[in-house]
Amino acid sequence: MRPAALTGLLASAPPGADEALELTDRLDAVLTDGLARPGAEGARALEDLAAATGSSPLAAPVREAASAMGSGPVGAACLAALAGARTALTGAVHDALLAALDTALGRTREEADAPAAPAPAPAPELEGARSWLAELAMAGWRGVDRDLAAGADAALTPLLEDPARRRLAVLLDGLGAELRAHCPLPGDQDPPARRWSDLWARAVLLAQDAFPVWPGAPARQATGRLLPLGADVHQHPTAFQVQVHALLEPSDGGPVRLVRTSVSALKVDVLTRESVWGLLAEHTVLLRALAEHRALDVEGMPLLEGGDLLWDEGRAALGGPADRFAAARLHLAGAAAPAVPALERHPARIAEPVLLEGYTAKKRTRPAPGLELDLDGARLPVSLLRRPDSSSLDMKAAASSGACLGLMRWDAGQWSVQMLGVAAKKAPAEQTHTGDWALGPTDPKFATALRNSDPLGTLRERAGKLLRK
């Protein structure tokens, strides 16, 4: 990214973004106190939300929902309208931010096709989820107690039986765990209202009968060479996922495309740090490509419209060594970016691969301790909160780097970069990537710890004994 373009990007948010986020914050304040008692300020917030959607198909349902609040039981349609309006606002902010980023990067992006309206089909397994989400909204984040938070468990059981509902199941599991960890909320403590309202709105939409189940129909099949750029590691106490961002060189000679693929597993909270990668042991081909810095050859792998490859080990083979920085220098600037599906349009979900070089990494103490990259005077914060502990890419490696492959993020009102791989500033330019531990820790200290105490191996051994009894 050119320093001048970066300076312009970091200078200010796109017009209208702050106003849209203010509307969502006011709705979040209503959700914090509970829809059963919106109060005068909450009623005005709902009226303003209805006015903001006045020229959209959401206008009538949102007006109906706003007038229904505080007057008795709130129907599922009203909750869906509020969740849809909130999602539309954050989606508009996402679109404005992504357009500014694409302009700064000189990146072309495909246009999204208009989604087909699915025919509603009764889905009894969603009833429990809708009921629990309605209870949360009525009670408000300040009114959640342990019994209400534990209600997520009952909603999960039927969802886990259907792989197509797994995304909603993991979302409810994570939200329920966060609520249990924070409740009862002390009177002087504010809840993370924007985060919980984000998760609530997303879950409400996923729990609608008419909402398409994931992953949907593949847009095409991908055949060619896959060049991994980096691995974004996602983890909470009950789930572990690795999302690999990559460049696809189609075998038919078409343009190079930005794609990503994910593999995941359920976990327990004792599996952390050096032990979590073992959960993905069945994905040997992908893990070897990450750990050994190699390319992949894929054939006929399903590719969704949003750029997600549905990973299938049987359709992939290891290729030769592939330097990730060399691949990024060659292809990243001109790679075609995929359209963003409707439900993924949220500022916090922006994760655009970038190559940054020639910077000076500087530690900072204000407004909070951290690290930022100085590119000819343009200061770009490093998103340290997203750095996984199951990786050798630590603060020391980041601070001594002169080039990085990362994801541009937008959090808390500013742009930042999440590092996926770095090259040392001093020769030799040793590389460190988040996926280097895919086949086991490369750090001797953590490798020894895993040999001395392997919690995953212990759990598997105990599970095997139980199954044999």
Protein backbone atom coordinates (compact mmCIF):
# COMPACT_ATOMS: atom_id res chain seq x y z
CA MET A 1 0.00 0.00 0.00
CA ARG A 2 1.34 3.44 -0.92
CA PRO A 3 2.00 5.72 2.09
CA ALA A 4 -0.02 8.54 0.53
CA ALA A 5 -3.01 6.25 0.06
CA LEU A 6 -2.63 4.99 3.62
CA THR A 7 -2.56 8.55 4.98
CA GLY A 8 -5.82 9.35 3.22
CA LEU A 9 -7.43 6.14 4.43
CA LEU A 10 -6.48 6.76 8.06
CA ALA A 11 -7.51 10.43 8.04
CA SER A 12 -11.26 10.03 8.56
CA ALA A 13 -14.23 7.71 8.27
CA PRO A 14 -16.40 7.86 5.12
CA PRO A 15 -19.29 10.38 5.16
CA GLY A 16 -22.31 9.10 7.04
CA ALA A 17 -20.49 6.28 8.81
CA ASP A 18 -20.45 7.98 12.20
CA GLU A 19 -24.15 8.84 11.99
CA ALA A 20 -25.10 5.25 11.09
CA LEU A 21 -23.04 3.86 13.97
CA GLU A 22 -24.64 6.37 16.34
CA LEU A 23 -28.05 4.97 15.38
CA THR A 24 -26.88 1.41 16.09
CA ASP A 25 -25.43 2.52 19.43
CA ARG A 26 -28.78 4.02 20.42
CA LEU A 27 -30.53 0.75 19.51
CA ASP A 28 -27.89 -1.12 21.53
CA ALA A 29 -28.74 1.08 24.51
CA VAL A 30 -32.36 -0.07 24.18
CA LEU A 31 -31.22 -3.70 24.01
CA THR A 32 -29.06 -3.11 27.09
CA ASP A 33 -32.09 -2.04 29.17
CA GLY A 34 -34.44 -4.51 27.48
CA LEU A 35 -37.15 -4.16 24.85
CA ALA A 36 -39.80 -4.73 27.51
CA ARG A 37 -39.07 -1.28 28.97
CA PRO A 38 -37.65 1.02 26.28
CA GLY A 39 -38.42 4.30 28.09
CA ALA A 40 -38.74 7.71 26.44
CA GLU A 41 -35.17 7.80 25.12
CA GLY A 42 -35.47 4.24 23.85
CA ALA A 43 -38.74 5.05 22.10
CA ARG A 44 -37.08 7.98 20.31
CA ALA A 45 -34.19 5.74 19.28
CA LEU A 46 -36.62 3.23 17.76
CA GLU A 47 -38.50 6.02 15.95
CA ASP A 48 -35.22 7.34 14.50
CA LEU A 49 -34.31 3.81 13.40
CA ALA A 50 -37.64 3.54 11.62
CA ALA A 51 -37.02 6.91 9.95
CA ALA A 52 -33.56 5.82 8.80
CA THR A 53 -35.05 2.80 7.02
CA GLY A 54 -37.98 4.78 5.62
CA SER A 55 -36.95 4.41 1.97
CA SER A 56 -36.17 0.69 2.20
CA PRO A 57 -38.30 -2.48 2.21
CA LEU A 58 -37.71 -2.59 5.97
CA ALA A 59 -39.71 0.60 6.56
CA ALA A 60 -43.11 -0.93 7.41
CA PRO A 61 -41.81 -3.82 9.58
CA VAL A 62 -39.49 -1.53 11.55
CA ARG A 63 -42.26 1.03 12.14
CA GLU A 64 -44.51 -1.79 13.37
CA ALA A 65 -41.76 -3.10 15.65
CA ALA A 66 -41.05 0.36 17.06
CA SER A 67 -44.72 0.92 17.92
CA ALA A 68 -45.03 -2.54 19.52
CA MET A 69 -42.20 -2.10 22.02
CA GLY A 70 -43.27 -1.67 25.62
CA SER A 71 -46.91 -2.57 24.92
CA GLY A 72 -46.78 -6.30 25.61
CA PRO A 73 -45.21 -9.44 24.16
CA VAL A 74 -43.05 -8.78 21.10
CA GLY A 75 -43.47 -11.14 18.15
CA ALA A 76 -40.67 -12.88 16.30
CA ALA A 77 -41.36 -10.75 13.20
CA CYS A 78 -40.72 -7.53 15.17
CA LEU A 79 -37.42 -8.83 16.53
CA ALA A 80 -36.37 -9.92 13.04
CA ALA A 81 -37.21 -6.43 11.72
CA LEU A 82 -35.05 -4.74 14.37
CA ALA A 83 -32.19 -7.19 13.74
CA GLY A 84 -32.54 -6.59 10.00
CA ALA A 85 -32.50 -2.81 10.39
CA ARG A 86 -29.42 -2.92 12.60
CA THR A 87 -27.69 -5.25 10.14
CA ALA A 88 -28.57 -2.95 7.24
CA LEU A 89 -26.96 0.01 9.03
CA THR A 90 -23.75 -1.82 9.85
CA GLY A 91 -23.77 -3.20 6.31
CA ALA A 92 -23.90 0.31 4.87
CA VAL A 93 -20.93 1.34 7.03
CA HIS A 94 -19.07 -1.78 5.90
CA ASP A 95 -19.67 -0.96 2.24
CA ALA A 96 -18.40 2.61 2.62
CA LEU A 97 -15.27 1.50 4.51
CA LEU A 98 -14.49 -1.32 2.09
CA ALA A 99 -14.91 0.99 -0.90
CA ALA A 100 -12.40 3.42 0.66
CA LEU A 101 -9.97 0.56 1.33
CA ASP A 102 -10.31 -0.84 -2.20
CA THR A 103 -9.58 2.62 -3.58
CA ALA A 104 -6.46 2.94 -1.41
CA LEU A 105 -5.27 -0.53 -2.45
CA GLY A 106 -6.23 -0.13 -6.11
CA ARG A 107 -8.18 -3.38 -5.72
CA THR A 108 -11.02 -4.45 -8.01
CA ARG A 109 -13.98 -6.26 -6.48
CA GLU A 110 -16.69 -8.39 -8.03
CA GLU A 111 -20.30 -7.27 -7.82
CA ALA A 112 -22.64 -9.35 -5.70
CA ASP A 113 -25.60 -10.94 -7.40
CA ALA A 114 -29.00 -10.10 -5.98
CA PRO A 115 -29.89 -12.93 -3.58
CA ALA A 116 -32.84 -15.06 -4.54
CA ALA A 117 -35.71 -14.90 -2.07
CA PRO A 118 -35.91 -18.38 -0.53
CA ALA A 119 -39.27 -20.00 0.05
CA PRO A 120 -39.96 -20.20 3.78
CA ALA A 121 -39.75 -23.77 5.01
CA PRO A 122 -40.70 -24.71 8.58
CA ALA A 123 -37.59 -25.55 10.61
CA PRO A 124 -38.63 -26.82 14.05
CA GLU A 125 -35.01 -27.01 15.19
CA LEU A 126 -34.88 -23.20 15.15
CA GLU A 127 -37.72 -22.66 17.63
CA GLY A 128 -35.52 -22.99 20.70
CA ALA A 129 -32.99 -20.50 19.33
CA ARG A 130 -35.68 -17.94 18.48
CA SER A 131 -37.28 -18.30 21.90
CA TRP A 132 -34.00 -17.79 23.74
CA LEU A 133 -33.00 -14.80 21.61
CA ALA A 134 -36.41 -13.21 22.27
CA GLU A 135 -35.98 -13.67 26.03
CA LEU A 136 -32.55 -12.01 25.85
CA ALA A 137 -33.96 -9.02 23.98
CA MET A 138 -36.82 -8.54 26.41
CA ALA A 139 -34.64 -8.86 29.52
CA GLY A 140 -31.80 -6.69 28.15
CA TRP A 141 -28.10 -7.19 28.72
CA ARG A 142 -28.37 -5.77 32.23
CA GLY A 143 -31.18 -8.16 33.05
CA VAL A 144 -29.46 -11.41 32.02
CA ASP A 145 -28.99 -13.82 34.91
CA ARG A 146 -27.27 -17.20 34.97
CA ASP A 147 -30.48 -19.13 34.31
CA LEU A 148 -31.27 -17.06 31.22
CA ALA A 149 -27.70 -17.31 29.94
CA ALA A 150 -27.78 -21.08 30.40
CA GLY A 151 -30.81 -21.25 28.11
CA ALA A 152 -28.42 -21.33 25.16
CA ASP A 153 -27.62 -24.96 25.96
CA ALA A 154 -31.18 -26.15 25.32
CA ALA A 155 -31.30 -24.28 22.00
CA LEU A 156 -28.03 -25.87 20.87
CA THR A 157 -28.99 -29.54 20.97
CA PRO A 158 -31.24 -29.69 17.87
CA LEU A 159 -28.94 -27.33 15.93
CA LEU A 160 -25.84 -29.47 16.44
CA GLU A 161 -27.60 -32.40 14.81
CA ASP A 162 -27.79 -30.52 11.49
CA PRO A 163 -24.42 -29.57 9.92
CA ALA A 164 -26.13 -26.80 7.93
CA ARG A 165 -27.05 -25.09 11.23
CA ARG A 166 -23.59 -25.44 12.75
CA ARG A 167 -22.77 -21.76 12.21
CA LEU A 168 -25.78 -20.68 14.28
CA ALA A 169 -24.96 -23.32 16.90
CA VAL A 170 -21.39 -22.09 17.39
CA LEU A 171 -22.63 -18.49 17.53
CA LEU A 172 -25.19 -19.26 20.24
CA ASP A 173 -22.65 -21.31 22.17
CA GLY A 174 -20.16 -18.44 22.17
CA LEU A 175 -22.76 -15.82 23.10
CA GLY A 176 -24.11 -17.99 25.91
CA ALA A 177 -20.60 -18.54 27.27
CA GLU A 178 -19.85 -14.81 27.27
CA LEU A 179 -23.10 -14.01 29.04
CA ARG A 180 -22.45 -16.65 31.71
CA ALA A 181 -18.94 -15.28 32.26
CA HIS A 182 -20.23 -11.73 32.82
CA CYS A 183 -23.46 -12.19 34.74
CA PRO A 184 -24.68 -11.02 37.05
CA LEU A 185 -23.37 -7.74 35.74
CA PRO A 186 -22.31 -5.31 38.49
CA GLY A 187 -24.40 -2.15 38.57
CA ASP A 188 -21.42 0.10 37.85
CA GLN A 189 -20.14 -1.96 34.91
CA ASP A 190 -21.26 -1.38 31.34
CA PRO A 191 -21.81 -4.47 29.19
CA PRO A 192 -20.05 -4.83 25.82
CA ALA A 193 -23.31 -3.72 24.23
CA ARG A 194 -22.12 -3.33 20.64
CA ARG A 195 -20.52 -6.79 20.58
CA TRP A 196 -23.44 -8.59 22.20
CA SER A 197 -25.95 -6.76 20.02
CA ASP A 198 -23.92 -7.68 16.94
CA LEU A 199 -24.03 -11.34 17.91
CA TRP A 200 -27.72 -11.16 18.83
CA ALA A 201 -28.74 -9.54 15.53
CA ARG A 202 -26.73 -12.04 13.50
CA ALA A 203 -28.21 -14.97 15.41
CA VAL A 204 -31.77 -13.66 15.00
CA LEU A 205 -31.34 -13.53 11.21
CA LEU A 206 -29.71 -16.95 11.05
CA ALA A 207 -32.61 -18.36 13.06
CA GLN A 208 -35.25 -17.34 10.50
CA ASP A 209 -37.00 -20.10 8.55
CA ALA A 210 -36.56 -18.20 5.29
CA PHE A 211 -32.87 -17.50 5.76
CA PRO A 212 -30.67 -19.68 3.50
CA VAL A 213 -28.64 -22.25 5.41
CA TRP A 214 -24.89 -22.13 5.11
CA PRO A 215 -23.00 -22.79 2.91
CA GLY A 216 -25.52 -22.62 0.09
CA ALA A 217 -24.85 -23.59 -3.51
CA PRO A 218 -21.26 -23.20 -4.78
CA ALA A 219 -20.89 -20.46 -7.38
CA ARG A 220 -18.22 -22.42 -9.26
CA GLN A 221 -15.52 -25.03 -8.88
CA ALA A 222 -11.91 -23.97 -8.39
CA THR A 223 -9.04 -25.71 -10.15
CA GLY A 224 -5.49 -24.40 -10.10
CA ARG A 225 -2.64 -23.49 -7.77
CA LEU A 226 -3.39 -22.15 -4.32
CA LEU A 227 -0.78 -19.88 -2.73
CA PRO A 228 -1.45 -19.39 1.01
CA LEU A 229 -0.76 -15.89 2.32
CA GLY A 230 -1.46 -16.49 5.99
CA ALA A 231 -3.65 -18.13 8.60
CA ASP A 232 -6.13 -16.23 10.74
CA VAL A 233 -6.66 -18.23 13.94
CA HIS A 234 -10.06 -17.98 15.69
CA GLN A 235 -10.58 -19.51 19.09
CA HIS A 236 -12.92 -19.52 22.07
CA PRO A 237 -13.32 -22.09 24.87
CA THR A 238 -15.48 -24.47 22.80
CA ALA A 239 -14.33 -23.96 19.20
CA PHE A 240 -11.14 -23.61 17.16
CA GLN A 241 -10.94 -22.47 13.56
CA VAL A 242 -8.14 -21.64 11.14
CA GLN A 243 -9.07 -19.45 8.18
CA VAL A 244 -6.44 -19.45 5.45
CA HIS A 245 -6.26 -16.45 3.11
CA ALA A 246 -4.76 -17.34 -0.24
CA LEU A 247 -4.27 -16.46 -3.89
CA LEU A 248 -5.79 -18.78 -6.49
CA GLU A 249 -4.06 -19.10 -9.85
CA PRO A 250 -6.76 -20.73 -12.03
CA SER A 251 -5.53 -23.47 -14.32
CA ASP A 252 -7.56 -22.01 -17.22
CA GLY A 253 -5.43 -18.86 -17.24
CA GLY A 254 -8.08 -16.62 -15.72
CA PRO A 255 -7.27 -13.75 -13.36
CA VAL A 256 -5.70 -14.48 -9.99
CA ARG A 257 -8.35 -14.40 -7.27
CA LEU A 258 -8.34 -13.74 -3.55
CA VAL A 259 -9.93 -16.67 -1.73
CA ARG A 260 -10.04 -18.11 1.76
CA THR A 261 -10.76 -21.51 3.23
CA SER A 262 -11.52 -22.61 6.77
CA VAL A 263 -11.24 -25.74 8.86
CA SER A 264 -12.59 -25.96 12.38
CA ALA A 265 -13.22 -28.26 15.32
CA LEU A 266 -15.09 -28.24 18.59
CA LYS A 267 -12.91 -28.16 21.69
CA VAL A 268 -12.87 -27.93 25.47
CA ASP A 269 -11.29 -25.05 27.33
CA VAL A 270 -8.30 -27.07 28.62
CA LEU A 271 -6.97 -27.24 25.06
CA THR A 272 -4.97 -24.06 24.50
CA ARG A 273 -1.77 -22.73 23.02
CA GLU A 274 0.46 -25.54 21.71
CA SER A 275 -2.21 -28.27 21.93
CA VAL A 276 -5.04 -26.80 19.81
CA TRP A 277 -3.55 -27.47 16.38
CA GLY A 278 -3.86 -31.22 17.02
CA LEU A 279 -7.64 -30.85 16.75
CA LEU A 280 -7.23 -30.34 12.98
CA ALA A 281 -4.96 -33.36 12.42
CA GLU A 282 -7.34 -34.84 9.82
CA HIS A 283 -6.56 -31.90 7.49
CA THR A 284 -3.00 -33.07 6.86
CA VAL A 285 -2.56 -31.54 3.41
CA LEU A 286 -3.59 -28.04 4.48
CA LEU A 287 -1.59 -28.16 7.72
CA ARG A 288 1.56 -29.29 5.90
CA ALA A 289 1.19 -26.46 3.39
CA LEU A 290 1.01 -23.97 6.28
CA ALA A 291 3.86 -25.42 8.33
CA GLU A 292 6.19 -26.11 5.40
CA HIS A 293 5.39 -22.94 3.40
CA ARG A 294 4.20 -24.80 0.33
CA ALA A 295 1.67 -24.24 -2.42
CA LEU A 296 -1.37 -26.45 -3.01
CA ASP A 297 -2.91 -27.86 -6.15
CA VAL A 298 -6.71 -27.96 -6.01
CA GLU A 299 -9.08 -29.58 -8.46
CA GLY A 300 -12.82 -29.08 -8.57
CA MET A 301 -13.02 -27.59 -5.08
CA PRO A 302 -16.36 -25.83 -4.44
CA LEU A 303 -16.01 -22.03 -4.34
CA LEU A 304 -18.79 -19.86 -2.92
CA GLU A 305 -19.68 -16.42 -4.25
CA GLY A 306 -18.07 -14.74 -1.21
CA GLY A 307 -14.65 -16.25 -1.99
CA ASP A 308 -14.84 -19.20 0.44
CA LEU A 309 -13.38 -22.49 -0.73
CA LEU A 310 -15.15 -25.43 0.90
CA TRP A 311 -12.06 -27.35 1.96
CA ASP A 312 -11.91 -30.98 0.81
CA GLU A 313 -8.67 -32.89 1.43
CA GLY A 314 -9.55 -35.28 -1.40
CA ARG A 315 -9.46 -32.42 -3.91
CA ALA A 316 -6.09 -30.97 -2.82
CA ALA A 317 -2.46 -32.03 -3.16
CA LEU A 318 0.75 -30.53 -1.84
CA GLY A 319 2.72 -28.43 -4.28
CA GLY A 320 6.24 -27.11 -4.20
CA PRO A 321 7.79 -24.51 -1.87
CA ALA A 322 6.10 -21.11 -2.12
CA ASP A 323 7.49 -17.94 -0.55
CA ARG A 324 4.45 -16.02 0.68
CA PHE A 325 6.02 -12.59 0.39
CA ALA A 326 7.15 -13.32 -3.18
CA ALA A 327 3.63 -14.50 -4.09
CA ALA A 328 2.13 -11.34 -2.57
CA ARG A 329 4.55 -9.06 -4.43
CA LEU A 330 3.73 -10.80 -7.69
CA HIS A 331 -0.04 -11.16 -7.47
CA LEU A 332 -1.68 -9.36 -4.54
CA ALA A 333 -1.96 -5.89 -6.08
CA GLY A 334 -3.84 -7.15 -9.13
CA ALA A 335 -5.84 -9.98 -7.58
CA ALA A 336 -9.62 -9.87 -7.99
CA ALA A 337 -11.48 -9.64 -4.69
CA PRO A 338 -14.79 -11.47 -4.17
CA ALA A 339 -18.13 -9.85 -3.52
CA VAL A 340 -19.21 -9.78 0.12
CA PRO A 341 -22.34 -11.80 1.00
CA ALA A 342 -25.15 -9.88 2.67
CA LEU A 343 -24.74 -11.26 6.19
CA GLU A 344 -20.97 -10.77 6.15
CA ARG A 345 -21.29 -7.02 5.57
CA HIS A 346 -20.17 -5.70 8.94
CA PRO A 347 -17.23 -3.37 9.72
CA ALA A 348 -15.74 -5.83 12.22
CA ARG A 349 -15.66 -8.53 9.53
CA ILE A 350 -13.47 -6.58 7.12
CA ALA A 351 -10.31 -8.68 6.70
CA GLU A 352 -8.50 -7.67 3.52
CA PRO A 353 -5.06 -9.18 2.79
CA VAL A 354 -2.30 -6.59 2.37
CA LEU A 355 1.47 -6.53 1.96
CA LEU A 356 3.28 -3.79 3.87
CA GLU A 357 7.00 -3.15 3.40
CA GLY A 358 9.58 -0.54 4.29
CA TYR A 359 8.02 0.49 7.57
CA THR A 360 9.49 1.08 10.99
CA ALA A 361 7.73 -0.72 13.83
CA LYS A 362 7.44 1.50 16.90
CA LYS A 363 6.15 0.72 20.36
CA ARG A 364 3.69 3.21 21.81
CA THR A 365 2.44 3.90 25.30
CA ARG A 366 -0.59 6.13 24.55
CA PRO A 367 -3.54 5.87 24.48
CA ALA A 368 -2.65 2.26 25.45
CA PRO A 369 0.51 0.17 25.16
CA GLY A 370 0.84 -1.25 21.68
CA LEU A 371 2.70 -1.28 18.39
CA GLU A 372 2.30 0.78 15.25
CA LEU A 373 3.88 0.83 11.82
CA ASP A 374 5.37 4.07 10.52
CA LEU A 375 5.24 4.23 6.71
CA ASP A 376 6.75 7.58 5.77
CA GLY A 377 4.81 9.34 8.51
CA ALA A 378 1.57 7.39 8.18
CA ARG A 379 0.95 5.56 11.47
CA LEU A 380 -0.95 2.28 11.25
CA PRO A 381 -1.77 0.52 14.56
CA VAL A 382 -1.11 -3.22 14.86
CA SER A 383 -4.09 -5.20 16.14
CA LEU A 384 -2.41 -7.07 18.99
CA LEU A 385 -5.67 -8.38 20.45
CA ARG A 386 -6.07 -10.66 17.42
CA ARG A 387 -2.60 -12.20 17.76
CA PRO A 388 -3.05 -15.90 18.61
CA ASP A 389 -1.05 -17.47 21.43
CA SER A 390 -0.81 -20.71 19.43
CA SER A 391 1.88 -19.17 17.22
CA SER A 392 5.49 -18.01 17.34
CA LEU A 393 4.49 -14.64 15.86
CA ASP A 394 4.91 -12.71 19.08
CA MET A 395 5.51 -9.07 19.98
CA LYS A 396 9.27 -9.45 19.56
CA ALA A 397 8.97 -10.78 16.00
CA ALA A 398 6.47 -8.07 15.10
CA ALA A 399 8.59 -5.25 16.54
CA SER A 400 11.73 -6.36 14.70
CA SER A 401 10.01 -6.80 11.33
CA GLY A 402 10.41 -4.74 8.19
CA ALA A 403 7.70 -6.37 6.09
CA CYS A 404 4.43 -8.06 6.93
CA LEU A 405 1.54 -9.89 5.38
CA GLY A 406 -1.60 -9.02 7.24
CA LEU A 407 -5.29 -8.27 7.22
CA MET A 408 -6.60 -4.72 7.23
CA ARG A 409 -9.18 -4.42 10.01
CA TRP A 410 -11.53 -1.72 11.23
CA ASP A 411 -12.21 -1.82 14.95
CA ALA A 412 -13.29 0.75 17.51
CA GLY A 413 -13.45 3.52 14.93
CA GLN A 414 -10.01 3.10 13.34
CA TRP A 415 -8.06 1.03 10.86
CA SER A 416 -5.43 -1.42 12.03
CA VAL A 417 -3.46 -4.34 10.62
CA GLN A 418 -3.55 -7.87 11.95
CA MET A 419 -0.22 -9.52 11.23
CA LEU A 420 -0.32 -13.02 9.71
CA GLY A 421 3.36 -13.20 8.83
CA VAL A 422 6.45 -11.02 9.19
CA ALA A 423 9.93 -10.86 7.71
CA ALA A 424 12.75 -9.61 9.91
CA LYS A 425 14.18 -6.20 9.07
CA LYS A 426 17.78 -7.34 9.39
CA ALA A 427 19.40 -9.87 7.07
CA PRO A 428 18.77 -12.71 6.83
CA ALA A 429 15.09 -11.76 6.59
CA GLU A 430 13.79 -14.67 8.63
CA GLN A 431 10.04 -15.20 8.27
CA THR A 432 7.58 -15.97 11.05
CA HIS A 433 3.96 -16.90 10.32
CA THR A 434 0.90 -17.69 12.40
CA GLY A 435 0.59 -21.12 10.78
CA ASP A 436 4.13 -22.29 11.54
CA TRP A 437 2.86 -24.44 14.42
CA ALA A 438 0.34 -26.30 12.24
CA LEU A 439 2.25 -29.59 12.64
CA GLY A 440 3.38 -28.83 16.17
CA PRO A 441 5.23 -26.05 18.01
CA THR A 442 8.50 -24.88 16.44
CA ASP A 443 9.53 -23.16 19.67
CA PRO A 444 11.58 -25.70 21.72
CA LYS A 445 10.02 -24.52 24.99
CA PHE A 446 6.47 -25.21 23.84
CA ALA A 447 7.46 -28.40 22.00
CA THR A 448 8.87 -29.74 25.28
CA ALA A 449 5.75 -28.68 27.15
CA LEU A 450 3.58 -30.57 24.66
CA ARG A 451 5.70 -33.72 25.00
CA ASN A 452 5.56 -33.55 28.80
CA SER A 453 1.85 -32.81 29.01
CA ASP A 454 -0.37 -33.50 26.01
CA PRO A 455 -3.96 -32.71 27.09
CA LEU A 456 -5.41 -33.66 23.68
CA GLY A 457 -3.71 -37.05 23.77
CA THR A 458 -4.94 -37.61 27.32
CA LEU A 459 -8.52 -36.72 26.38
CA ARG A 460 -8.45 -39.04 23.36
CA GLU A 461 -7.05 -41.88 25.46
CA ARG A 462 -9.76 -41.46 28.09
CA ALA A 463 -12.46 -41.22 25.43
CA GLY A 464 -11.18 -44.43 23.85
CA LYS A 465 -11.37 -46.24 27.20
CA LEU A 466 -14.94 -45.06 27.74
CA LEU A 467 -15.98 -46.23 24.28
CA ARG A 468 -14.45 -49.68 24.86
CA LYS A 469 -16.37 -50.20 28.09
